[in-house]
PDB file of N, CA and C in Angstrom:
ATOM      1  N   MET A   1     124.511 132.564 181.007  1.00  0.00           N
ATOM      2  CA  MET A   1     124.105 131.528 180.076  1.00  0.00           C
ATOM      3  C   MET A   1     122.745 130.984 180.523  1.00  0.00           C
ATOM      4  N   GLN A   2     121.851 130.784 179.594  1.00  0.00           N
ATOM      5  CA  GLN A   2     120.523 130.292 179.922  1.00  0.00           C
ATOM      6  C   GLN A   2     120.544 128.779 180.112  1.00  0.00           C
ATOM      7  N   LEU A   3     119.562 128.290 180.859  1.00  0.00           N
ATOM      8  CA  LEU A   3     119.466 126.866 181.166  1.00  0.00           C
ATOM      9  C   LEU A   3     119.347 126.025 179.900  1.00  0.00           C
ATOM     10  N   LYS A   4     118.574 126.473 178.920  1.00  0.00           N
ATOM     11  CA  LYS A   4     118.410 125.721 177.667  1.00  0.00           C
ATOM     12  C   LYS A   4     119.748 125.577 176.941  1.00  0.00           C
ATOM     13  N   SER A   5     120.566 126.616 176.965  1.00  0.00           N
ATOM     14  CA  SER A   5     121.893 126.561 176.339  1.00  0.00           C
ATOM     15  C   SER A   5     122.780 125.548 177.040  1.00  0.00           C
ATOM     16  N   ILE A   6     122.719 125.522 178.361  1.00  0.00           N
ATOM     17  CA  ILE A   6     123.510 124.565 179.135  1.00  0.00           C
ATOM     18  C   ILE A   6     123.054 123.142 178.817  1.00  0.00           C
ATOM     19  N   LEU A   7     121.739 122.915 178.776  1.00  0.00           N
ATOM     20  CA  LEU A   7     121.218 121.584 178.458  1.00  0.00           C
ATOM     21  C   LEU A   7     121.621 121.140 177.060  1.00  0.00           C
ATOM     22  N   ASN A   8     121.582 122.039 176.083  1.00  0.00           N
ATOM     23  CA  ASN A   8     121.999 121.686 174.728  1.00  0.00           C
ATOM     24  C   ASN A   8     123.484 121.326 174.670  1.00  0.00           C
ATOM     25  N   PHE A   9     124.279 121.940 175.527  1.00  0.00           N
ATOM     26  CA  PHE A   9     125.709 121.633 175.573  1.00  0.00           C
ATOM     27  C   PHE A   9     125.973 120.306 176.281  1.00  0.00           C
ATOM     28  N   VAL A  10     125.296 120.088 177.422  1.00  0.00           N
ATOM     29  CA  VAL A  10     125.543 118.917 178.258  1.00  0.00           C
ATOM     30  C   VAL A  10     124.785 117.688 177.766  1.00  0.00           C
ATOM     31  N   GLN A  11     123.531 117.854 177.342  1.00  0.00           N
ATOM     32  CA  GLN A  11     122.666 116.731 176.991  1.00  0.00           C
ATOM     33  C   GLN A  11     121.900 117.036 175.699  1.00  0.00           C
ATOM     34  N   PRO A  12     122.590 117.036 174.548  1.00  0.00           N
ATOM     35  CA  PRO A  12     121.880 117.325 173.298  1.00  0.00           C
ATOM     36  C   PRO A  12     121.011 116.145 172.857  1.00  0.00           C
ATOM     37  N   HIS A  13     119.834 116.453 172.332  1.00  0.00           N
ATOM     38  CA  HIS A  13     118.923 115.443 171.787  1.00  0.00           C
ATOM     39  C   HIS A  13     118.670 115.814 170.341  1.00  0.00           C
ATOM     40  N   GLN A  14     119.297 115.080 169.410  1.00  0.00           N
ATOM     41  CA  GLN A  14     119.116 115.397 168.004  1.00  0.00           C
ATOM     42  C   GLN A  14     117.660 115.203 167.611  1.00  0.00           C
ATOM     43  N   GLY A  15     117.128 116.159 166.860  1.00  0.00           N
ATOM     44  CA  GLY A  15     115.753 116.081 166.412  1.00  0.00           C
ATOM     45  C   GLY A  15     114.747 116.614 167.404  1.00  0.00           C
ATOM     46  N   PHE A  16     115.219 117.091 168.566  1.00  0.00           N
ATOM     47  CA  PHE A  16     114.321 117.608 169.590  1.00  0.00           C
ATOM     48  C   PHE A  16     114.790 118.975 170.064  1.00  0.00           C
ATOM     49  N   VAL A  17     113.856 119.735 170.638  1.00  0.00           N
ATOM     50  CA  VAL A  17     114.131 121.074 171.130  1.00  0.00           C
ATOM     51  C   VAL A  17     113.649 121.152 172.572  1.00  0.00           C
ATOM     52  N   TYR A  18     114.444 121.794 173.426  1.00  0.00           N
ATOM     53  CA  TYR A  18     113.999 122.032 174.797  1.00  0.00           C
ATOM     54  C   TYR A  18     112.954 123.138 174.771  1.00  0.00           C
ATOM     55  N   GLY A  19     111.843 122.918 175.459  1.00  0.00           N
ATOM     56  CA  GLY A  19     110.747 123.894 175.490  1.00  0.00           C
ATOM     57  C   GLY A  19     110.718 124.659 176.791  1.00  0.00           C
ATOM     58  N   ALA A  20     109.527 124.786 177.343  1.00  0.00           N
ATOM     59  CA  ALA A  20     109.327 125.573 178.566  1.00  0.00           C
ATOM     60  C   ALA A  20     110.022 124.930 179.763  1.00  0.00           C
ATOM     61  N   VAL A  21     110.504 125.778 180.657  1.00  0.00           N
ATOM     62  CA  VAL A  21     111.152 125.337 181.891  1.00  0.00           C
ATOM     63  C   VAL A  21     110.322 125.851 183.061  1.00  0.00           C
ATOM     64  N   HIS A  22     109.945 124.933 183.960  1.00  0.00           N
ATOM     65  CA  HIS A  22     109.147 125.295 185.130  1.00  0.00           C
ATOM     66  C   HIS A  22     109.881 124.849 186.390  1.00  0.00           C
ATOM     67  N   GLN A  23     109.872 125.701 187.393  1.00  0.00           N
ATOM     68  CA  GLN A  23     110.493 125.381 188.685  1.00  0.00           C
ATOM     69  C   GLN A  23     109.384 125.136 189.696  1.00  0.00           C
ATOM     70  N   ARG A  24     109.522 124.055 190.482  1.00  0.00           N
ATOM     71  CA  ARG A  24     108.540 123.775 191.533  1.00  0.00           C
ATOM     72  C   ARG A  24     109.264 123.176 192.726  1.00  0.00           C
ATOM     73  N   ASN A  25     108.630 123.244 193.875  1.00  0.00           N
ATOM     74  CA  ASN A  25     109.193 122.671 195.095  1.00  0.00           C
ATOM     75  C   ASN A  25     108.540 121.329 195.367  1.00  0.00           C
ATOM     76  N   LYS A  26     109.361 120.362 195.717  1.00  0.00           N
ATOM     77  CA  LYS A  26     108.897 119.015 196.064  1.00  0.00           C
ATOM     78  C   LYS A  26     109.486 118.703 197.436  1.00  0.00           C
ATOM     79  N   GLY A  27     108.739 119.053 198.458  1.00  0.00           N
ATOM     80  CA  GLY A  27     109.256 118.896 199.817  1.00  0.00           C
ATOM     81  C   GLY A  27     110.379 119.891 200.042  1.00  0.00           C
ATOM     82  N   GLN A  28     111.549 119.397 200.408  1.00  0.00           N
ATOM     83  CA  GLN A  28     112.716 120.247 200.652  1.00  0.00           C
ATOM     84  C   GLN A  28     113.519 120.505 199.378  1.00  0.00           C
ATOM     85  N   ARG A  29     113.150 119.843 198.279  1.00  0.00           N
ATOM     86  CA  ARG A  29     113.926 119.944 197.037  1.00  0.00           C
ATOM     87  C   ARG A  29     113.256 120.884 196.040  1.00  0.00           C
ATOM     88  N   THR A  30     114.072 121.499 195.204  1.00  0.00           N
ATOM     89  CA  THR A  30     113.578 122.283 194.081  1.00  0.00           C
ATOM     90  C   THR A  30     113.716 121.420 192.837  1.00  0.00           C
ATOM     91  N   VAL A  31     112.643 121.335 192.050  1.00  0.00           N
ATOM     92  CA  VAL A  31     112.609 120.479 190.877  1.00  0.00           C
ATOM     93  C   VAL A  31     112.395 121.341 189.643  1.00  0.00           C
ATOM     94  N   LEU A  32     113.120 121.036 188.560  1.00  0.00           N
ATOM     95  CA  LEU A  32     112.925 121.707 187.281  1.00  0.00           C
ATOM     96  C   LEU A  32     112.189 120.760 186.348  1.00  0.00           C
ATOM     97  N   ASP A  33     111.068 121.202 185.793  1.00  0.00           N
ATOM     98  CA  ASP A  33     110.350 120.454 184.771  1.00  0.00           C
ATOM     99  C   ASP A  33     110.668 121.107 183.435  1.00  0.00           C
ATOM    100  N   ILE A  34     111.256 120.337 182.525  1.00  0.00           N
ATOM    101  CA  ILE A  34     111.673 120.865 181.230  1.00  0.00           C
ATOM    102  C   ILE A  34     110.980 120.067 180.145  1.00  0.00           C
ATOM    103  N   GLU A  35     110.260 120.762 179.277  1.00  0.00           N
ATOM    104  CA  GLU A  35     109.555 120.100 178.188  1.00  0.00           C
ATOM    105  C   GLU A  35     110.506 119.872 177.020  1.00  0.00           C
ATOM    106  N   ILE A  36     110.366 118.716 176.377  1.00  0.00           N
ATOM    107  CA  ILE A  36     111.131 118.404 175.176  1.00  0.00           C
ATOM    108  C   ILE A  36     110.122 118.092 174.087  1.00  0.00           C
ATOM    109  N   ARG A  37     110.273 118.762 172.929  1.00  0.00           N
ATOM    110  CA  ARG A  37     109.333 118.532 171.832  1.00  0.00           C
ATOM    111  C   ARG A  37     110.110 118.250 170.553  1.00  0.00           C
ATOM    112  N   PRO A  38     109.471 117.566 169.590  1.00  0.00           N
ATOM    113  CA  PRO A  38     110.151 117.286 168.323  1.00  0.00           C
ATOM    114  C   PRO A  38     110.445 118.574 167.556  1.00  0.00           C
ATOM    115  N   ARG A  39     111.563 118.572 166.864  1.00  0.00           N
ATOM    116  CA  ARG A  39     111.930 119.721 166.031  1.00  0.00           C
ATOM    117  C   ARG A  39     111.023 119.736 164.797  1.00  0.00           C
ATOM    118  N   LYS A  40     110.548 120.906 164.422  1.00  0.00           N
ATOM    119  CA  LYS A  40     109.689 121.021 163.251  1.00  0.00           C
ATOM    120  C   LYS A  40     110.486 120.722 161.987  1.00  0.00           C
ATOM    121  N   ASN A  41     109.806 120.192 160.986  1.00  0.00           N
ATOM    122  CA  ASN A  41     110.406 119.883 159.677  1.00  0.00           C
ATOM    123  C   ASN A  41     111.568 118.898 159.779  1.00  0.00           C
ATOM    124  N   ARG A  42     111.486 117.986 160.717  1.00  0.00           N
ATOM    125  CA  ARG A  42     112.518 116.948 160.864  1.00  0.00           C
ATOM    126  C   ARG A  42     111.825 115.598 160.895  1.00  0.00           C
ATOM    127  N   GLN A  43     112.302 114.661 160.099  1.00  0.00           N
ATOM    128  CA  GLN A  43     111.682 113.343 160.060  1.00  0.00           C
ATOM    129  C   GLN A  43     112.060 112.556 161.307  1.00  0.00           C
ATOM    130  N   PRO A  44     111.086 111.875 161.939  1.00  0.00           N
ATOM    131  CA  PRO A  44     111.364 111.092 163.141  1.00  0.00           C
ATOM    132  C   PRO A  44     112.327 109.943 162.857  1.00  0.00           C
ATOM    133  N   VAL A  45     113.134 109.587 163.863  1.00  0.00           N
ATOM    134  CA  VAL A  45     114.100 108.489 163.748  1.00  0.00           C
ATOM    135  C   VAL A  45     113.844 107.507 164.886  1.00  0.00           C
ATOM    136  N   CYS A  46     113.828 106.214 164.571  1.00  0.00           N
ATOM    137  CA  CYS A  46     113.616 105.167 165.567  1.00  0.00           C
ATOM    138  C   CYS A  46     114.797 105.136 166.539  1.00  0.00           C
ATOM    139  N   SER A  47     114.504 105.119 167.846  1.00  0.00           N
ATOM    140  CA  SER A  47     115.580 105.108 168.842  1.00  0.00           C
ATOM    141  C   SER A  47     116.284 103.762 168.909  1.00  0.00           C
ATOM    142  N   ARG A  48     115.656 102.719 168.412  1.00  0.00           N
ATOM    143  CA  ARG A  48     116.252 101.388 168.456  1.00  0.00           C
ATOM    144  C   ARG A  48     117.149 101.123 167.243  1.00  0.00           C
ATOM    145  N   CYS A  49     116.604 101.278 166.023  1.00  0.00           N
ATOM    146  CA  CYS A  49     117.366 100.917 164.817  1.00  0.00           C
ATOM    147  C   CYS A  49     118.002 102.114 164.128  1.00  0.00           C
ATOM    148  N   GLY A  50     117.548 103.340 164.460  1.00  0.00           N
ATOM    149  CA  GLY A  50     118.128 104.531 163.860  1.00  0.00           C
ATOM    150  C   GLY A  50     117.587 104.872 162.487  1.00  0.00           C
ATOM    151  N   LYS A  51     116.585 104.141 161.999  1.00  0.00           N
ATOM    152  CA  LYS A  51     116.012 104.400 160.679  1.00  0.00           C
ATOM    153  C   LYS A  51     114.834 105.364 160.804  1.00  0.00           C
ATOM    154  N   PRO A  52     114.568 106.124 159.729  1.00  0.00           N
ATOM    155  CA  PRO A  52     113.408 107.026 159.754  1.00  0.00           C
ATOM    156  C   PRO A  52     112.113 106.251 159.961  1.00  0.00           C
ATOM    157  N   GLY A  53     111.184 106.847 160.712  1.00  0.00           N
ATOM    158  CA  GLY A  53     109.919 106.193 161.011  1.00  0.00           C
ATOM    159  C   GLY A  53     108.735 107.069 160.647  1.00  0.00           C
ATOM    160  N   PRO A  54     107.520 106.549 160.826  1.00  0.00           N
ATOM    161  CA  PRO A  54     106.329 107.286 160.429  1.00  0.00           C
ATOM    162  C   PRO A  54     105.914 108.410 161.387  1.00  0.00           C
ATOM    163  N   GLY A  55     106.297 108.362 162.642  1.00  0.00           N
ATOM    164  CA  GLY A  55     105.874 109.406 163.581  1.00  0.00           C
ATOM    165  C   GLY A  55     106.548 109.283 164.917  1.00  0.00           C
ATOM    166  N   TYR A  56     106.452 110.343 165.699  1.00  0.00           N
ATOM    167  CA  TYR A  56     107.046 110.345 167.032  1.00  0.00           C
ATOM    168  C   TYR A  56     106.150 109.647 168.036  1.00  0.00           C
ATOM    169  N   ASP A  57     106.688 109.397 169.193  1.00  0.00           N
ATOM    170  CA  ASP A  57     105.992 108.809 170.323  1.00  0.00           C
ATOM    171  C   ASP A  57     104.776 109.671 170.672  1.00  0.00           C
ATOM    172  N   THR A  58     103.632 109.046 170.817  1.00  0.00           N
ATOM    173  CA  THR A  58     102.415 109.796 171.151  1.00  0.00           C
ATOM    174  C   THR A  58     101.850 109.381 172.512  1.00  0.00           C
ATOM    175  N   LEU A  59     102.662 108.776 173.364  1.00  0.00           N
ATOM    176  CA  LEU A  59     102.229 108.390 174.696  1.00  0.00           C
ATOM    177  C   LEU A  59     102.032 109.628 175.568  1.00  0.00           C
ATOM    178  N   PRO A  60     101.330 109.489 176.701  1.00  0.00           N
ATOM    179  CA  PRO A  60     101.151 110.642 177.585  1.00  0.00           C
ATOM    180  C   PRO A  60     102.485 111.155 178.132  1.00  0.00           C
ATOM    181  N   VAL A  61     102.460 112.357 178.699  1.00  0.00           N
ATOM    182  CA  VAL A  61     103.665 112.980 179.262  1.00  0.00           C
ATOM    183  C   VAL A  61     104.219 112.110 180.378  1.00  0.00           C
ATOM    184  N   ARG A  62     105.561 111.978 180.405  1.00  0.00           N
ATOM    185  CA  ARG A  62     106.233 111.175 181.427  1.00  0.00           C
ATOM    186  C   ARG A  62     107.303 112.034 182.099  1.00  0.00           C
ATOM    187  N   ARG A  63     107.696 111.642 183.296  1.00  0.00           N
ATOM    188  CA  ARG A  63     108.752 112.350 184.027  1.00  0.00           C
ATOM    189  C   ARG A  63     109.962 111.431 184.174  1.00  0.00           C
ATOM    190  N   PHE A  64     111.132 112.009 184.022  1.00  0.00           N
ATOM    191  CA  PHE A  64     112.382 111.291 184.198  1.00  0.00           C
ATOM    192  C   PHE A  64     113.258 112.081 185.148  1.00  0.00           C
ATOM    193  N   GLU A  65     113.995 111.378 185.980  1.00  0.00           N
ATOM    194  CA  GLU A  65     114.938 112.064 186.869  1.00  0.00           C
ATOM    195  C   GLU A  65     116.303 112.106 186.206  1.00  0.00           C
ATOM    196  N   PHE A  66     116.974 113.226 186.372  1.00  0.00           N
ATOM    197  CA  PHE A  66     118.275 113.455 185.788  1.00  0.00           C
ATOM    198  C   PHE A  66     119.272 113.689 186.913  1.00  0.00           C
ATOM    199  N   VAL A  67     120.535 113.616 186.626  1.00  0.00           N
ATOM    200  CA  VAL A  67     121.576 113.854 187.625  1.00  0.00           C
ATOM    201  C   VAL A  67     121.379 115.237 188.222  1.00  0.00           C
ATOM    202  N   PRO A  68     121.341 115.346 189.546  1.00  0.00           N
ATOM    203  CA  PRO A  68     121.136 116.665 190.166  1.00  0.00           C
ATOM    204  C   PRO A  68     122.257 117.620 189.836  1.00  0.00           C
ATOM    205  N   LEU A  69     121.906 118.869 189.596  1.00  0.00           N
ATOM    206  CA  LEU A  69     122.916 119.911 189.289  1.00  0.00           C
ATOM    207  C   LEU A  69     123.289 120.638 190.562  1.00  0.00           C
TER     208      LEU A  69
END
């Protein structure tokens, strides 16, 4: 099973698609960088109120830590 399939099963994000997966070393740890992008032909939805909005977040790329696998 591919990593993207596992992520879609464990942590689905409606309206988004998992993109490229990159592996890198950070000291003694191995880190996976996974890109998430908006799904094409899908109207954006506000994360606060749940209503359709004019566009997705356009802030610079950010990193989040997830539960270690």
